[in-house]
């Protein structure tokens, strides 16, 4: 099954993968543009993606396959 172009990493740009500092312990956390959240490897806090880009999932009837039903 082919991937949707909005989620297919072959179409991503450099800025679609980035790092932020954990607001709790300042550890660097790597995010992908479509990560809803990441767990900090140091303090184990659940950190929401400040640049979440759902792309075409905003209107796609199959978005639950990319993000999970509770995240769309």
N, C-alpha and C. Protein backbone atom coordinates (compact mmCIF):
# COMPACT_ATOMS: atom_id res chain seq x y z
N UNK A 1 0.84 -1.18 0.00
CA UNK A 1 0.00 0.00 0.00
C UNK A 1 0.89 1.25 0.00
N UNK A 2 0.60 2.15 -0.88
CA UNK A 2 1.40 3.38 -1.00
C UNK A 2 1.10 4.32 0.17
N UNK A 3 2.12 5.08 0.55
CA UNK A 3 1.95 6.06 1.61
C UNK A 3 1.39 7.35 1.04
N UNK A 4 0.65 8.05 1.84
CA UNK A 4 0.16 9.36 1.45
C UNK A 4 1.37 10.30 1.33
N UNK A 5 1.41 11.17 0.34
CA UNK A 5 2.57 12.07 0.17
C UNK A 5 2.80 12.99 1.36
N UNK A 6 1.75 13.34 2.10
CA UNK A 6 1.92 14.22 3.26
C UNK A 6 2.69 13.56 4.39
N UNK A 7 2.68 12.24 4.46
CA UNK A 7 3.38 11.53 5.52
C UNK A 7 4.61 10.79 5.02
N UNK A 8 4.81 10.74 3.73
CA UNK A 8 5.95 10.04 3.12
C UNK A 8 7.21 10.89 3.27
N UNK A 9 8.18 10.38 4.02
CA UNK A 9 9.40 11.15 4.31
C UNK A 9 10.21 11.51 3.06
N UNK A 10 9.97 10.86 1.95
CA UNK A 10 10.68 11.22 0.72
C UNK A 10 10.33 12.63 0.27
N UNK A 11 9.20 13.15 0.71
CA UNK A 11 8.75 14.49 0.31
C UNK A 11 9.01 15.55 1.38
N UNK A 12 9.62 15.16 2.47
CA UNK A 12 9.88 16.10 3.55
C UNK A 12 11.04 17.02 3.22
N UNK A 13 11.08 18.14 3.92
CA UNK A 13 12.18 19.10 3.80
C UNK A 13 13.03 19.05 5.07
N UNK A 14 14.16 19.68 5.01
CA UNK A 14 15.10 19.70 6.13
C UNK A 14 14.44 20.16 7.42
N UNK A 15 13.59 21.18 7.35
CA UNK A 15 12.97 21.76 8.55
C UNK A 15 11.91 20.85 9.17
N UNK A 16 11.54 19.76 8.52
CA UNK A 16 10.51 18.87 9.02
C UNK A 16 10.99 17.96 10.15
N UNK A 17 12.29 17.98 10.42
CA UNK A 17 12.88 17.26 11.56
C UNK A 17 13.66 18.32 12.35
N UNK A 18 13.35 18.45 13.62
CA UNK A 18 13.93 19.53 14.41
C UNK A 18 14.10 19.09 15.87
N UNK A 19 14.85 19.87 16.62
CA UNK A 19 15.06 19.62 18.05
C UNK A 19 14.51 20.77 18.86
N UNK A 20 14.02 20.43 20.05
CA UNK A 20 13.65 21.45 21.03
C UNK A 20 14.27 21.02 22.37
N UNK A 21 14.30 21.93 23.31
CA UNK A 21 14.72 21.59 24.66
C UNK A 21 13.49 21.22 25.47
N UNK A 22 13.60 20.17 26.24
CA UNK A 22 12.51 19.77 27.13
C UNK A 22 12.25 20.94 28.09
N UNK A 23 11.00 21.36 28.22
CA UNK A 23 10.72 22.48 29.13
C UNK A 23 10.88 22.12 30.60
N UNK A 24 11.05 20.85 30.91
CA UNK A 24 11.20 20.42 32.30
C UNK A 24 12.66 20.25 32.71
N UNK A 25 13.48 19.67 31.81
CA UNK A 25 14.87 19.37 32.21
C UNK A 25 15.91 19.87 31.21
N UNK A 26 15.49 20.49 30.12
CA UNK A 26 16.35 21.10 29.10
C UNK A 26 17.12 20.10 28.23
N UNK A 27 16.76 18.82 28.30
CA UNK A 27 17.37 17.81 27.42
C UNK A 27 16.86 18.03 26.00
N UNK A 28 17.73 17.85 25.03
CA UNK A 28 17.32 17.99 23.63
C UNK A 28 16.43 16.82 23.22
N UNK A 29 15.33 17.14 22.53
CA UNK A 29 14.39 16.14 22.05
C UNK A 29 14.19 16.34 20.56
N UNK A 30 14.38 15.29 19.78
CA UNK A 30 14.19 15.37 18.33
C UNK A 30 12.73 15.08 17.99
N UNK A 31 12.15 15.92 17.16
CA UNK A 31 10.79 15.76 16.68
C UNK A 31 10.77 15.63 15.17
N UNK A 32 9.82 14.87 14.68
CA UNK A 32 9.47 14.84 13.28
C UNK A 32 8.19 15.66 13.14
N UNK A 33 7.95 16.27 12.01
CA UNK A 33 6.82 17.18 11.86
C UNK A 33 5.49 16.54 12.20
N UNK A 34 5.38 15.23 12.06
CA UNK A 34 4.11 14.57 12.31
C UNK A 34 4.03 13.86 13.66
N UNK A 35 5.05 14.02 14.52
CA UNK A 35 4.98 13.47 15.88
C UNK A 35 3.96 14.27 16.68
N UNK A 36 2.99 13.61 17.27
CA UNK A 36 2.02 14.30 18.10
C UNK A 36 2.68 14.70 19.42
N UNK A 37 3.49 13.81 19.96
CA UNK A 37 4.26 14.10 21.16
C UNK A 37 5.47 13.18 21.18
N UNK A 38 6.43 13.50 22.06
CA UNK A 38 7.58 12.64 22.34
C UNK A 38 7.72 12.57 23.85
N UNK A 39 8.32 11.50 24.32
CA UNK A 39 8.62 11.36 25.74
C UNK A 39 10.10 11.72 25.92
N UNK A 40 10.36 12.63 26.81
CA UNK A 40 11.73 13.05 27.07
C UNK A 40 12.54 11.86 27.58
N UNK A 41 13.69 11.59 26.97
CA UNK A 41 14.49 10.45 27.42
C UNK A 41 15.08 10.63 28.81
N UNK A 42 15.17 11.86 29.26
CA UNK A 42 15.77 12.12 30.58
C UNK A 42 14.73 12.11 31.70
N UNK A 43 13.71 12.95 31.61
CA UNK A 43 12.76 13.09 32.72
C UNK A 43 11.44 12.35 32.49
N UNK A 44 11.29 11.75 31.30
CA UNK A 44 10.13 10.92 30.96
C UNK A 44 8.80 11.68 30.88
N UNK A 45 8.87 13.01 30.76
CA UNK A 45 7.66 13.81 30.59
C UNK A 45 7.17 13.70 29.15
N UNK A 46 5.87 13.73 28.96
CA UNK A 46 5.26 13.70 27.63
C UNK A 46 5.22 15.13 27.11
N UNK A 47 5.94 15.37 26.00
CA UNK A 47 6.10 16.72 25.46
C UNK A 47 5.33 16.82 24.14
N UNK A 48 4.37 17.73 24.02
CA UNK A 48 3.65 17.89 22.77
C UNK A 48 4.54 18.56 21.71
N UNK A 49 4.30 18.22 20.47
CA UNK A 49 5.06 18.80 19.37
C UNK A 49 4.62 20.24 19.15
N UNK A 50 5.52 21.21 19.34
CA UNK A 50 5.14 22.61 19.17
C UNK A 50 4.94 23.01 17.71
N UNK A 51 5.39 22.18 16.78
CA UNK A 51 5.25 22.49 15.35
C UNK A 51 4.47 21.40 14.62
N UNK A 52 3.57 20.73 15.31
CA UNK A 52 2.83 19.63 14.70
C UNK A 52 2.23 20.06 13.37
N UNK A 53 2.50 19.28 12.35
CA UNK A 53 1.98 19.55 11.01
C UNK A 53 1.27 18.30 10.54
N UNK A 54 -0.03 18.32 10.58
CA UNK A 54 -0.80 17.16 10.14
C UNK A 54 -0.98 17.14 8.63
N UNK A 55 -0.56 18.20 7.97
CA UNK A 55 -0.63 18.25 6.51
C UNK A 55 -2.02 17.94 6.01
N UNK A 56 -2.09 17.02 5.08
CA UNK A 56 -3.36 16.67 4.46
C UNK A 56 -4.28 15.92 5.42
N UNK A 57 -3.78 15.47 6.56
CA UNK A 57 -4.60 14.73 7.51
C UNK A 57 -5.73 15.59 8.09
N UNK A 58 -5.61 16.90 7.98
CA UNK A 58 -6.66 17.78 8.48
C UNK A 58 -8.01 17.48 7.83
N UNK A 59 -7.97 17.02 6.58
CA UNK A 59 -9.22 16.76 5.86
C UNK A 59 -9.30 15.35 5.26
N UNK A 60 -8.36 14.50 5.56
CA UNK A 60 -8.29 13.16 4.98
C UNK A 60 -9.16 12.18 5.76
N UNK A 61 -10.01 11.42 5.08
CA UNK A 61 -10.84 10.44 5.80
C UNK A 61 -10.05 9.27 6.37
N UNK A 62 -8.78 9.12 5.99
CA UNK A 62 -7.95 8.03 6.48
C UNK A 62 -6.89 8.50 7.47
N UNK A 63 -7.05 9.70 8.02
CA UNK A 63 -6.05 10.29 8.92
C UNK A 63 -5.79 9.43 10.15
N UNK A 64 -6.80 8.68 10.60
CA UNK A 64 -6.59 7.84 11.79
C UNK A 64 -5.54 6.78 11.54
N UNK A 65 -5.27 6.43 10.29
CA UNK A 65 -4.22 5.45 9.96
C UNK A 65 -2.83 6.06 10.15
N UNK A 66 -2.71 7.37 10.02
CA UNK A 66 -1.41 8.03 10.18
C UNK A 66 -1.17 8.46 11.62
N UNK A 67 -2.19 9.00 12.27
CA UNK A 67 -2.03 9.61 13.58
C UNK A 67 -2.71 8.85 14.71
N UNK A 68 -3.54 7.90 14.39
CA UNK A 68 -4.33 7.24 15.42
C UNK A 68 -5.65 7.96 15.61
N UNK A 69 -6.66 7.25 15.94
CA UNK A 69 -8.00 7.81 15.99
C UNK A 69 -8.14 8.93 17.02
N UNK A 70 -7.46 8.84 18.14
CA UNK A 70 -7.61 9.87 19.18
C UNK A 70 -6.77 11.11 18.93
N UNK A 71 -5.96 11.14 17.88
CA UNK A 71 -5.07 12.27 17.62
C UNK A 71 -5.53 13.14 16.47
N UNK A 72 -6.55 12.74 15.72
CA UNK A 72 -6.98 13.51 14.55
C UNK A 72 -8.03 14.51 14.89
